[in-house]
PDB file of all heavy atoms in Angstrom:
ATOM      1  N   ILE A   1      31.520-160.316 -21.781  1.00  0.00           N
ATOM      2  CA  ILE A   1      32.317-160.012 -22.974  1.00  0.00           C
ATOM      3  C   ILE A   1      33.661-160.701 -22.819  1.00  0.00           C
ATOM      4  O   ILE A   1      34.381-160.444 -21.859  1.00  0.00           O
ATOM      5  CB  ILE A   1      32.524-158.506 -23.161  1.00  0.00           C
ATOM      6  CG1 ILE A   1      31.174-157.792 -23.286  1.00  0.00           C
ATOM      7  CG2 ILE A   1      33.370-158.247 -24.409  1.00  0.00           C
ATOM      8  CD1 ILE A   1      31.296-156.286 -23.411  1.00  0.00           C
ATOM      9  N   ASN A   2      33.996-161.569 -23.741  1.00  0.00           N
ATOM     10  CA  ASN A   2      35.275-162.249 -23.706  1.00  0.00           C
ATOM     11  C   ASN A   2      36.296-161.391 -24.464  1.00  0.00           C
ATOM     12  O   ASN A   2      36.660-160.320 -24.017  1.00  0.00           O
ATOM     13  CB  ASN A   2      35.141-163.644 -24.287  1.00  0.00           C
ATOM     14  CG  ASN A   2      36.340-164.521 -23.932  1.00  0.00           C
ATOM     15  OD1 ASN A   2      37.389-164.024 -23.522  1.00  0.00           O
ATOM     16  ND2 ASN A   2      36.189-165.814 -24.071  1.00  0.00           N
ATOM     17  N   SER A   3      36.735-161.831 -25.597  1.00  0.00           N
ATOM     18  CA  SER A   3      37.742-161.056 -26.324  1.00  0.00           C
ATOM     19  C   SER A   3      37.116-159.835 -27.000  1.00  0.00           C
ATOM     20  O   SER A   3      35.939-159.835 -27.364  1.00  0.00           O
ATOM     21  CB  SER A   3      38.426-161.930 -27.367  1.00  0.00           C
ATOM     22  OG  SER A   3      37.497-162.375 -28.323  1.00  0.00           O
ATOM     23  N   MET A   4      37.922-158.811 -27.132  1.00  0.00           N
ATOM     24  CA  MET A   4      37.529-157.589 -27.842  1.00  0.00           C
ATOM     25  C   MET A   4      38.670-157.248 -28.796  1.00  0.00           C
ATOM     26  O   MET A   4      39.844-157.381 -28.422  1.00  0.00           O
ATOM     27  CB  MET A   4      37.280-156.434 -26.872  1.00  0.00           C
ATOM     28  CG  MET A   4      36.296-156.762 -25.765  1.00  0.00           C
ATOM     29  SD  MET A   4      36.023-155.373 -24.619  1.00  0.00           S
ATOM     30  CE  MET A   4      34.803-154.432 -25.544  1.00  0.00           C
ATOM     31  N   GLY A   5      38.319-156.825 -29.981  1.00  0.00           N
ATOM     32  CA  GLY A   5      39.389-156.579 -30.933  1.00  0.00           C
ATOM     33  C   GLY A   5      39.025-155.587 -32.013  1.00  0.00           C
ATOM     34  O   GLY A   5      37.885-155.107 -32.098  1.00  0.00           O
ATOM     35  N   TRP A   6      40.033-155.284 -32.801  1.00  0.00           N
ATOM     36  CA  TRP A   6      39.882-154.377 -33.928  1.00  0.00           C
ATOM     37  C   TRP A   6      40.378-155.049 -35.200  1.00  0.00           C
ATOM     38  O   TRP A   6      41.440-155.702 -35.205  1.00  0.00           O
ATOM     39  CB  TRP A   6      40.681-153.101 -33.697  1.00  0.00           C
ATOM     40  CG  TRP A   6      40.138-152.240 -32.606  1.00  0.00           C
ATOM     41  CD1 TRP A   6      40.500-152.253 -31.285  1.00  0.00           C
ATOM     42  CD2 TRP A   6      39.104-151.257 -32.731  1.00  0.00           C
ATOM     43  NE1 TRP A   6      39.753-151.336 -30.579  1.00  0.00           N
ATOM     44  CE2 TRP A   6      38.892-150.714 -31.448  1.00  0.00           C
ATOM     45  CE3 TRP A   6      38.336-150.776 -33.793  1.00  0.00           C
ATOM     46  CZ2 TRP A   6      37.959-149.706 -31.204  1.00  0.00           C
ATOM     47  CZ3 TRP A   6      37.412-149.789 -33.556  1.00  0.00           C
ATOM     48  CH2 TRP A   6      37.226-149.264 -32.284  1.00  0.00           C
ATOM     49  N   TYR A   7      39.608-154.882 -36.258  1.00  0.00           N
ATOM     50  CA  TYR A   7      39.982-155.318 -37.590  1.00  0.00           C
ATOM     51  C   TYR A   7      39.938-154.087 -38.500  1.00  0.00           C
ATOM     52  O   TYR A   7      39.379-153.056 -38.136  1.00  0.00           O
ATOM     53  CB  TYR A   7      39.001-156.366 -38.117  1.00  0.00           C
ATOM     54  CG  TYR A   7      39.115-157.722 -37.465  1.00  0.00           C
ATOM     55  CD1 TYR A   7      38.714-157.919 -36.140  1.00  0.00           C
ATOM     56  CD2 TYR A   7      39.596-158.823 -38.167  1.00  0.00           C
ATOM     57  CE1 TYR A   7      38.819-159.166 -35.542  1.00  0.00           C
ATOM     58  CE2 TYR A   7      39.693-160.068 -37.581  1.00  0.00           C
ATOM     59  CZ  TYR A   7      39.304-160.231 -36.276  1.00  0.00           C
ATOM     60  OH  TYR A   7      39.392-161.471 -35.678  1.00  0.00           O
ATOM     61  N   ARG A   8      40.510-154.240 -39.678  1.00  0.00           N
ATOM     62  CA  ARG A   8      40.417-153.156 -40.646  1.00  0.00           C
ATOM     63  C   ARG A   8      40.288-153.725 -42.047  1.00  0.00           C
ATOM     64  O   ARG A   8      40.712-154.838 -42.325  1.00  0.00           O
ATOM     65  CB  ARG A   8      41.617-152.228 -40.544  1.00  0.00           C
ATOM     66  CG  ARG A   8      42.924-152.800 -41.060  1.00  0.00           C
ATOM     67  CD  ARG A   8      44.071-151.821 -40.792  1.00  0.00           C
ATOM     68  NE  ARG A   8      45.317-152.238 -41.435  1.00  0.00           N
ATOM     69  CZ  ARG A   8      46.481-151.616 -41.264  1.00  0.00           C
ATOM     70  NH1 ARG A   8      46.563-150.543 -40.474  1.00  0.00           N
ATOM     71  NH2 ARG A   8      47.560-152.047 -41.883  1.00  0.00           N
ATOM     72  N   GLN A   9      39.689-152.906 -42.902  1.00  0.00           N
ATOM     73  CA  GLN A   9      39.540-153.296 -44.300  1.00  0.00           C
ATOM     74  C   GLN A   9      39.789-152.088 -45.178  1.00  0.00           C
ATOM     75  O   GLN A   9      39.067-151.086 -45.097  1.00  0.00           O
ATOM     76  CB  GLN A   9      38.143-153.863 -44.556  1.00  0.00           C
ATOM     77  CG  GLN A   9      37.972-154.459 -45.937  1.00  0.00           C
ATOM     78  CD  GLN A   9      36.723-155.293 -46.056  1.00  0.00           C
ATOM     79  OE1 GLN A   9      35.788-155.177 -45.258  1.00  0.00           O
ATOM     80  NE2 GLN A   9      36.684-156.158 -47.055  1.00  0.00           N
ATOM     81  N   ALA A  10      40.816-152.199 -45.993  1.00  0.00           N
ATOM     82  CA  ALA A  10      41.140-151.157 -46.951  1.00  0.00           C
ATOM     83  C   ALA A  10      40.436-151.456 -48.271  1.00  0.00           C
ATOM     84  O   ALA A  10      40.096-152.613 -48.544  1.00  0.00           O
ATOM     85  CB  ALA A  10      42.651-151.087 -47.153  1.00  0.00           C
ATOM     86  N   PRO A  11      40.241-150.453 -49.105  1.00  0.00           N
ATOM     87  CA  PRO A  11      39.558-150.676 -50.395  1.00  0.00           C
ATOM     88  C   PRO A  11      40.267-151.741 -51.224  1.00  0.00           C
ATOM     89  O   PRO A  11      41.479-151.700 -51.397  1.00  0.00           O
ATOM     90  CB  PRO A  11      39.644-149.303 -51.064  1.00  0.00           C
ATOM     91  CG  PRO A  11      39.732-148.337 -49.939  1.00  0.00           C
ATOM     92  CD  PRO A  11      40.549-149.031 -48.881  1.00  0.00           C
ATOM     93  N   GLY A  12      39.491-152.701 -51.683  1.00  0.00           N
ATOM     94  CA  GLY A  12      40.041-153.749 -52.521  1.00  0.00           C
ATOM     95  C   GLY A  12      40.792-154.832 -51.788  1.00  0.00           C
ATOM     96  O   GLY A  12      41.359-155.730 -52.425  1.00  0.00           O
ATOM     97  N   LYS A  13      40.801-154.765 -50.474  1.00  0.00           N
ATOM     98  CA  LYS A  13      41.534-155.744 -49.686  1.00  0.00           C
ATOM     99  C   LYS A  13      40.602-156.480 -48.726  1.00  0.00           C
ATOM    100  O   LYS A  13      39.502-156.023 -48.429  1.00  0.00           O
ATOM    101  CB  LYS A  13      42.669-155.083 -48.901  1.00  0.00           C
ATOM    102  CG  LYS A  13      43.755-154.482 -49.779  1.00  0.00           C
ATOM    103  CD  LYS A  13      44.916-153.986 -48.945  1.00  0.00           C
ATOM    104  CE  LYS A  13      46.037-153.457 -49.821  1.00  0.00           C
ATOM    105  NZ  LYS A  13      47.199-152.990 -49.000  1.00  0.00           N
ATOM    106  N   GLN A  14      41.082-157.617 -48.232  1.00  0.00           N
ATOM    107  CA  GLN A  14      40.301-158.365 -47.264  1.00  0.00           C
ATOM    108  C   GLN A  14      40.404-157.739 -45.874  1.00  0.00           C
ATOM    109  O   GLN A  14      41.377-157.048 -45.557  1.00  0.00           O
ATOM    110  CB  GLN A  14      40.789-159.818 -47.214  1.00  0.00           C
ATOM    111  CG  GLN A  14      40.467-160.633 -48.449  1.00  0.00           C
ATOM    112  CD  GLN A  14      40.783-162.110 -48.283  1.00  0.00           C
ATOM    113  OE1 GLN A  14      41.662-162.486 -47.509  1.00  0.00           O
ATOM    114  NE2 GLN A  14      40.062-162.952 -48.996  1.00  0.00           N
ATOM    115  N   ARG A  15      39.396-158.016 -45.071  1.00  0.00           N
ATOM    116  CA  ARG A  15      39.436-157.557 -43.694  1.00  0.00           C
ATOM    117  C   ARG A  15      40.538-158.310 -42.954  1.00  0.00           C
ATOM    118  O   ARG A  15      40.695-159.515 -43.118  1.00  0.00           O
ATOM    119  CB  ARG A  15      38.083-157.792 -43.017  1.00  0.00           C
ATOM    120  CG  ARG A  15      37.902-157.098 -41.696  1.00  0.00           C
ATOM    121  CD  ARG A  15      36.480-157.204 -41.186  1.00  0.00           C
ATOM    122  NE  ARG A  15      35.538-156.548 -42.094  1.00  0.00           N
ATOM    123  CZ  ARG A  15      34.255-156.359 -41.799  1.00  0.00           C
ATOM    124  NH1 ARG A  15      33.767-156.790 -40.643  1.00  0.00           N
ATOM    125  NH2 ARG A  15      33.450-155.781 -42.668  1.00  0.00           N
ATOM    126  N   GLU A  16      41.300-157.570 -42.126  1.00  0.00           N
ATOM    127  CA  GLU A  16      42.413-158.182 -41.425  1.00  0.00           C
ATOM    128  C   GLU A  16      42.423-157.780 -39.961  1.00  0.00           C
ATOM    129  O   GLU A  16      41.975-156.687 -39.595  1.00  0.00           O
ATOM    130  CB  GLU A  16      43.745-157.773 -42.076  1.00  0.00           C
ATOM    131  CG  GLU A  16      44.005-156.285 -42.122  1.00  0.00           C
ATOM    132  CD  GLU A  16      45.262-155.919 -42.887  1.00  0.00           C
ATOM    133  OE1 GLU A  16      45.984-156.822 -43.378  1.00  0.00           O
ATOM    134  OE2 GLU A  16      45.548-154.706 -42.988  1.00  0.00           O
ATOM    135  N   LEU A  17      42.969-158.672 -39.148  1.00  0.00           N
ATOM    136  CA  LEU A  17      43.073-158.408 -37.722  1.00  0.00           C
ATOM    137  C   LEU A  17      44.135-157.345 -37.457  1.00  0.00           C
ATOM    138  O   LEU A  17      45.231-157.390 -38.021  1.00  0.00           O
ATOM    139  CB  LEU A  17      43.453-159.681 -36.979  1.00  0.00           C
ATOM    140  CG  LEU A  17      43.721-159.542 -35.480  1.00  0.00           C
ATOM    141  CD1 LEU A  17      42.447-159.196 -34.727  1.00  0.00           C
ATOM    142  CD2 LEU A  17      44.347-160.819 -34.928  1.00  0.00           C
ATOM    143  N   VAL A  18      43.795-156.412 -36.585  1.00  0.00           N
ATOM    144  CA  VAL A  18      44.747-155.392 -36.157  1.00  0.00           C
ATOM    145  C   VAL A  18      45.274-155.726 -34.764  1.00  0.00           C
ATOM    146  O   VAL A  18      46.482-155.802 -34.545  1.00  0.00           O
ATOM    147  CB  VAL A  18      44.100-153.993 -36.151  1.00  0.00           C
ATOM    148  CG1 VAL A  18      45.076-152.959 -35.592  1.00  0.00           C
ATOM    149  CG2 VAL A  18      43.643-153.616 -37.556  1.00  0.00           C
ATOM    150  N   ALA A  19      44.352-155.917 -33.827  1.00  0.00           N
ATOM    151  CA  ALA A  19      44.750-156.199 -32.455  1.00  0.00           C
ATOM    152  C   ALA A  19      43.573-156.811 -31.720  1.00  0.00           C
ATOM    153  O   ALA A  19      42.413-156.566 -32.068  1.00  0.00           O
ATOM    154  CB  ALA A  19      45.213-154.928 -31.736  1.00  0.00           C
ATOM    155  N   VAL A  20      43.886-157.602 -30.697  1.00  0.00           N
ATOM    156  CA  VAL A  20      42.847-158.220 -29.891  1.00  0.00           C
ATOM    157  C   VAL A  20      43.310-158.246 -28.444  1.00  0.00           C
ATOM    158  O   VAL A  20      44.515-158.317 -28.164  1.00  0.00           O
ATOM    159  CB  VAL A  20      42.529-159.643 -30.397  1.00  0.00           C
ATOM    160  CG1 VAL A  20      43.736-160.559 -30.268  1.00  0.00           C
ATOM    161  CG2 VAL A  20      41.320-160.226 -29.687  1.00  0.00           C
ATOM    162  N   ILE A  21      42.343-158.161 -27.534  1.00  0.00           N
ATOM    163  CA  ILE A  21      42.648-158.215 -26.111  1.00  0.00           C
ATOM    164  C   ILE A  21      41.662-159.167 -25.444  1.00  0.00           C
ATOM    165  O   ILE A  21      40.452-159.103 -25.690  1.00  0.00           O
ATOM    166  CB  ILE A  21      42.597-156.803 -25.482  1.00  0.00           C
ATOM    167  CG1 ILE A  21      43.011-156.854 -24.003  1.00  0.00           C
ATOM    168  CG2 ILE A  21      41.251-156.131 -25.679  1.00  0.00           C
ATOM    169  CD1 ILE A  21      43.276-155.467 -23.412  1.00  0.00           C
ATOM    170  N   SER A  22      42.187-160.050 -24.614  1.00  0.00           N
ATOM    171  CA  SER A  22      41.338-161.019 -23.926  1.00  0.00           C
ATOM    172  C   SER A  22      40.672-160.381 -22.714  1.00  0.00           C
ATOM    173  O   SER A  22      40.985-159.247 -22.331  1.00  0.00           O
ATOM    174  CB  SER A  22      42.187-162.209 -23.482  1.00  0.00           C
ATOM    175  OG  SER A  22      43.015-161.831 -22.391  1.00  0.00           O
ATOM    176  N   SER A  23      39.766-161.115 -22.113  1.00  0.00           N
ATOM    177  CA  SER A  23      39.088-160.615 -20.918  1.00  0.00           C
ATOM    178  C   SER A  23      40.082-160.390 -19.780  1.00  0.00           C
ATOM    179  O   SER A  23      39.853-159.542 -18.914  1.00  0.00           O
ATOM    180  CB  SER A  23      37.997-161.588 -20.486  1.00  0.00           C
ATOM    181  OG  SER A  23      38.553-162.872 -20.249  1.00  0.00           O
ATOM    182  N   GLY A  24      41.180-161.122 -19.811  1.00  0.00           N
ATOM    183  CA  GLY A  24      42.194-160.974 -18.780  1.00  0.00           C
ATOM    184  C   GLY A  24      43.258-159.947 -19.091  1.00  0.00           C
ATOM    185  O   GLY A  24      44.149-159.713 -18.280  1.00  0.00           O
ATOM    186  N   GLY A  25      43.165-159.343 -20.269  1.00  0.00           N
ATOM    187  CA  GLY A  25      44.101-158.285 -20.617  1.00  0.00           C
ATOM    188  C   GLY A  25      45.263-158.710 -21.507  1.00  0.00           C
ATOM    189  O   GLY A  25      46.115-157.889 -21.839  1.00  0.00           O
ATOM    190  N   THR A  26      45.293-159.958 -21.907  1.00  0.00           N
ATOM    191  CA  THR A  26      46.342-160.401 -22.824  1.00  0.00           C
ATOM    192  C   THR A  26      46.106-159.813 -24.208  1.00  0.00           C
ATOM    193  O   THR A  26      44.985-159.867 -24.717  1.00  0.00           O
ATOM    194  CB  THR A  26      46.383-161.927 -22.914  1.00  0.00           C
ATOM    195  OG1 THR A  26      46.621-162.469 -21.609  1.00  0.00           O
ATOM    196  CG2 THR A  26      47.487-162.386 -23.854  1.00  0.00           C
ATOM    197  N   THR A  27      47.153-159.259 -24.785  1.00  0.00           N
ATOM    198  CA  THR A  27      47.017-158.596 -26.081  1.00  0.00           C
ATOM    199  C   THR A  27      47.786-159.321 -27.177  1.00  0.00           C
ATOM    200  O   THR A  27      48.775-160.016 -26.914  1.00  0.00           O
ATOM    201  CB  THR A  27      47.513-157.145 -26.009  1.00  0.00           C
ATOM    202  OG1 THR A  27      48.896-157.153 -25.580  1.00  0.00           O
ATOM    203  CG2 THR A  27      46.695-156.333 -25.028  1.00  0.00           C
ATOM    204  N   ASN A  28      47.326-159.115 -28.390  1.00  0.00           N
ATOM    205  CA  ASN A  28      47.985-159.686 -29.553  1.00  0.00           C
ATOM    206  C   ASN A  28      47.839-158.681 -30.693  1.00  0.00           C
ATOM    207  O   ASN A  28      46.746-158.126 -30.898  1.00  0.00           O
ATOM    208  CB  ASN A  28      47.362-161.023 -29.939  1.00  0.00           C
ATOM    209  CG  ASN A  28      48.167-161.744 -30.994  1.00  0.00           C
ATOM    210  OD1 ASN A  28      49.389-161.638 -31.030  1.00  0.00           O
ATOM    211  ND2 ASN A  28      47.497-162.482 -31.852  1.00  0.00           N
ATOM    212  N   TYR A  29      48.938-158.451 -31.408  1.00  0.00           N
ATOM    213  CA  TYR A  29      48.941-157.436 -32.456  1.00  0.00           C
ATOM    214  C   TYR A  29      49.405-158.016 -33.787  1.00  0.00           C
ATOM    215  O   TYR A  29      50.266-158.914 -33.828  1.00  0.00           O
ATOM    216  CB  TYR A  29      49.888-156.293 -32.090  1.00  0.00           C
ATOM    217  CG  TYR A  29      49.500-155.513 -30.877  1.00  0.00           C
ATOM    218  CD1 TYR A  29      49.974-155.850 -29.610  1.00  0.00           C
ATOM    219  CD2 TYR A  29      48.647-154.411 -30.979  1.00  0.00           C
ATOM    220  CE1 TYR A  29      49.614-155.140 -28.489  1.00  0.00           C
ATOM    221  CE2 TYR A  29      48.284-153.682 -29.866  1.00  0.00           C
ATOM    222  CZ  TYR A  29      48.769-154.042 -28.623  1.00  0.00           C
ATOM    223  OH  TYR A  29      48.405-153.316 -27.514  1.00  0.00           O
ATOM    224  N   ALA A  30      48.870-157.463 -34.845  1.00  0.00           N
ATOM    225  CA  ALA A  30      49.413-157.769 -36.164  1.00  0.00           C
ATOM    226  C   ALA A  30      50.798-157.147 -36.257  1.00  0.00           C
ATOM    227  O   ALA A  30      51.059-156.093 -35.670  1.00  0.00           O
ATOM    228  CB  ALA A  30      48.512-157.200 -37.252  1.00  0.00           C
ATOM    229  N   ASP A  31      51.666-157.783 -36.997  1.00  0.00           N
ATOM    230  CA  ASP A  31      53.039-157.295 -37.100  1.00  0.00           C
ATOM    231  C   ASP A  31      53.103-155.860 -37.618  1.00  0.00           C
ATOM    232  O   ASP A  31      53.969-155.083 -37.206  1.00  0.00           O
ATOM    233  CB  ASP A  31      53.865-158.213 -38.016  1.00  0.00           C
ATOM    234  CG  ASP A  31      54.188-159.545 -37.363  1.00  0.00           C
ATOM    235  OD1 ASP A  31      54.083-159.645 -36.120  1.00  0.00           O
ATOM    236  OD2 ASP A  31      54.532-160.495 -38.096  1.00  0.00           O
ATOM    237  N   PHE A  32      52.189-155.509 -38.501  1.00  0.00           N
ATOM    238  CA  PHE A  32      52.269-154.182 -39.130  1.00  0.00           C
ATOM    239  C   PHE A  32      51.892-153.042 -38.190  1.00  0.00           C
ATOM    240  O   PHE A  32      52.026-151.880 -38.548  1.00  0.00           O
ATOM    241  CB  PHE A  32      51.443-154.127 -40.423  1.00  0.00           C
ATOM    242  CG  PHE A  32      50.019-154.567 -40.274  1.00  0.00           C
ATOM    243  CD1 PHE A  32      49.062-153.738 -39.702  1.00  0.00           C
ATOM    244  CD2 PHE A  32      49.629-155.822 -40.715  1.00  0.00           C
ATOM    245  CE1 PHE A  32      47.744-154.148 -39.570  1.00  0.00           C
ATOM    246  CE2 PHE A  32      48.307-156.246 -40.600  1.00  0.00           C
ATOM    247  CZ  PHE A  32      47.366-155.405 -40.018  1.00  0.00           C
ATOM    248  N   VAL A  33      51.407-153.330 -36.984  1.00  0.00           N
ATOM    249  CA  VAL A  33      51.080-152.259 -36.031  1.00  0.00           C
ATOM    250  C   VAL A  33      51.875-152.364 -34.730  1.00  0.00           C
ATOM    251  O   VAL A  33      51.765-151.479 -33.873  1.00  0.00           O
ATOM    252  CB  VAL A  33      49.578-152.201 -35.708  1.00  0.00           C
ATOM    253  CG1 VAL A  33      48.770-151.993 -36.967  1.00  0.00           C
ATOM    254  CG2 VAL A  33      49.126-153.445 -34.940  1.00  0.00           C
ATOM    255  N   LYS A  34      52.660-153.407 -34.588  1.00  0.00           N
ATOM    256  CA  LYS A  34      53.428-153.570 -33.355  1.00  0.00           C
ATOM    257  C   LYS A  34      54.335-152.364 -33.118  1.00  0.00           C
ATOM    258  O   LYS A  34      55.024-151.903 -34.028  1.00  0.00           O
ATOM    259  CB  LYS A  34      54.257-154.850 -33.412  1.00  0.00           C
ATOM    260  CG  LYS A  34      53.457-156.109 -33.178  1.00  0.00           C
ATOM    261  CD  LYS A  34      54.331-157.356 -33.196  1.00  0.00           C
ATOM    262  CE  LYS A  34      53.509-158.605 -32.942  1.00  0.00           C
ATOM    263  NZ  LYS A  34      54.339-159.849 -33.003  1.00  0.00           N
ATOM    264  N   GLY A  35      54.280-151.856 -31.900  1.00  0.00           N
ATOM    265  CA  GLY A  35      55.094-150.706 -31.542  1.00  0.00           C
ATOM    266  C   GLY A  35      54.450-149.373 -31.864  1.00  0.00           C
ATOM    267  O   GLY A  35      54.952-148.331 -31.452  1.00  0.00           O
ATOM    268  N   ARG A  36      53.341-149.387 -32.595  1.00  0.00           N
ATOM    269  CA  ARG A  36      52.671-148.151 -32.955  1.00  0.00           C
ATOM    270  C   ARG A  36      51.261-148.047 -32.366  1.00  0.00           C
ATOM    271  O   ARG A  36      50.837-146.976 -31.956  1.00  0.00           O
ATOM    272  CB  ARG A  36      52.569-148.024 -34.489  1.00  0.00           C
ATOM    273  CG  ARG A  36      53.911-148.006 -35.195  1.00  0.00           C
ATOM    274  CD  ARG A  36      53.760-147.669 -36.686  1.00  0.00           C
ATOM    275  NE  ARG A  36      52.953-148.648 -37.400  1.00  0.00           N
ATOM    276  CZ  ARG A  36      51.847-148.354 -38.090  1.00  0.00           C
ATOM    277  NH1 ARG A  36      51.418-147.102 -38.148  1.00  0.00           N
ATOM    278  NH2 ARG A  36      51.189-149.299 -38.737  1.00  0.00           N
ATOM    279  N   PHE A  37      50.542-149.154 -32.357  1.00  0.00           N
ATOM    280  CA  PHE A  37      49.166-149.166 -31.861  1.00  0.00           C
ATOM    281  C   PHE A  37      49.112-149.883 -30.517  1.00  0.00           C
ATOM    282  O   PHE A  37      49.877-150.823 -30.267  1.00  0.00           O
ATOM    283  CB  PHE A  37      48.242-149.898 -32.829  1.00  0.00           C
ATOM    284  CG  PHE A  37      48.043-149.227 -34.162  1.00  0.00           C
ATOM    285  CD1 PHE A  37      48.747-148.085 -34.537  1.00  0.00           C
ATOM    286  CD2 PHE A  37      47.116-149.747 -35.059  1.00  0.00           C
ATOM    287  CE1 PHE A  37      48.549-147.490 -35.763  1.00  0.00           C
ATOM    288  CE2 PHE A  37      46.904-149.151 -36.291  1.00  0.00           C
ATOM    289  CZ  PHE A  37      47.626-148.028 -36.641  1.00  0.00           C
ATOM    290  N   THR A  38      48.171-149.440 -29.685  1.00  0.00           N
ATOM    291  CA  THR A  38      47.950-150.083 -28.389  1.00  0.00           C
ATOM    292  C   THR A  38      46.469-150.323 -28.175  1.00  0.00           C
ATOM    293  O   THR A  38      45.664-149.386 -28.302  1.00  0.00           O
ATOM    294  CB  THR A  38      48.491-149.212 -27.244  1.00  0.00           C
ATOM    295  OG1 THR A  38      49.891-148.970 -27.439  1.00  0.00           O
ATOM    296  CG2 THR A  38      48.289-149.910 -25.898  1.00  0.00           C
ATOM    297  N   ILE A  39      46.117-151.555 -27.874  1.00  0.00           N
ATOM    298  CA  ILE A  39      44.731-151.889 -27.574  1.00  0.00           C
ATOM    299  C   ILE A  39      44.568-151.972 -26.061  1.00  0.00           C
ATOM    300  O   ILE A  39      45.458-152.447 -25.346  1.00  0.00           O
ATOM    301  CB  ILE A  39      44.303-153.212 -28.253  1.00  0.00           C
ATOM    302  CG1 ILE A  39      42.798-153.433 -28.124  1.00  0.00           C
ATOM    303  CG2 ILE A  39      45.093-154.395 -27.711  1.00  0.00           C
ATOM    304  CD1 ILE A  39      42.270-154.593 -28.971  1.00  0.00           C
ATOM    305  N   SER A  40      43.427-151.490 -25.587  1.00  0.00           N
ATOM    306  CA  SER A  40      43.123-151.571 -24.168  1.00  0.00           C
ATOM    307  C   SER A  40      41.615-151.686 -24.005  1.00  0.00           C
ATOM    308  O   SER A  40      40.865-151.482 -24.962  1.00  0.00           O
ATOM    309  CB  SER A  40      43.660-150.339 -23.420  1.00  0.00           C
ATOM    310  OG  SER A  40      43.068-149.154 -23.909  1.00  0.00           O
ATOM    311  N   ARG A  41      41.194-152.007 -22.801  1.00  0.00           N
ATOM    312  CA  ARG A  41      39.760-152.132 -22.558  1.00  0.00           C
ATOM    313  C   ARG A  41      39.420-151.660 -21.160  1.00  0.00           C
ATOM    314  O   ARG A  41      40.240-151.725 -20.236  1.00  0.00           O
ATOM    315  CB  ARG A  41      39.291-153.575 -22.775  1.00  0.00           C
ATOM    316  CG  ARG A  41      39.890-154.586 -21.830  1.00  0.00           C
ATOM    317  CD  ARG A  41      39.581-156.027 -22.286  1.00  0.00           C
ATOM    318  NE  ARG A  41      38.194-156.404 -21.993  1.00  0.00           N
ATOM    319  CZ  ARG A  41      37.642-157.527 -22.435  1.00  0.00           C
ATOM    320  NH1 ARG A  41      38.343-158.379 -23.192  1.00  0.00           N
ATOM    321  NH2 ARG A  41      36.390-157.818 -22.120  1.00  0.00           N
ATOM    322  N   ASP A  42      38.180-151.209 -21.020  1.00  0.00           N
ATOM    323  CA  ASP A  42      37.635-150.819 -19.724  1.00  0.00           C
ATOM    324  C   ASP A  42      36.405-151.696 -19.516  1.00  0.00           C
ATOM    325  O   ASP A  42      35.346-151.435 -20.098  1.00  0.00           O
ATOM    326  CB  ASP A  42      37.274-149.332 -19.726  1.00  0.00           C
ATOM    327  CG  ASP A  42      36.811-148.840 -18.363  1.00  0.00           C
ATOM    328  OD1 ASP A  42      36.285-149.648 -17.572  1.00  0.00           O
ATOM    329  OD2 ASP A  42      36.955-147.641 -18.097  1.00  0.00           O
TER     330      ASP A  42
END
């Protein structure tokens, strides 16, 4: 498993990236969730 991530889709809107984490643990967040959401993996 390489990257793992979360997307979301609200009614009437396109699916958008929320957060992603690489196999090495590098994370990337959409601006609208920075500071509020945390992605992690086991």
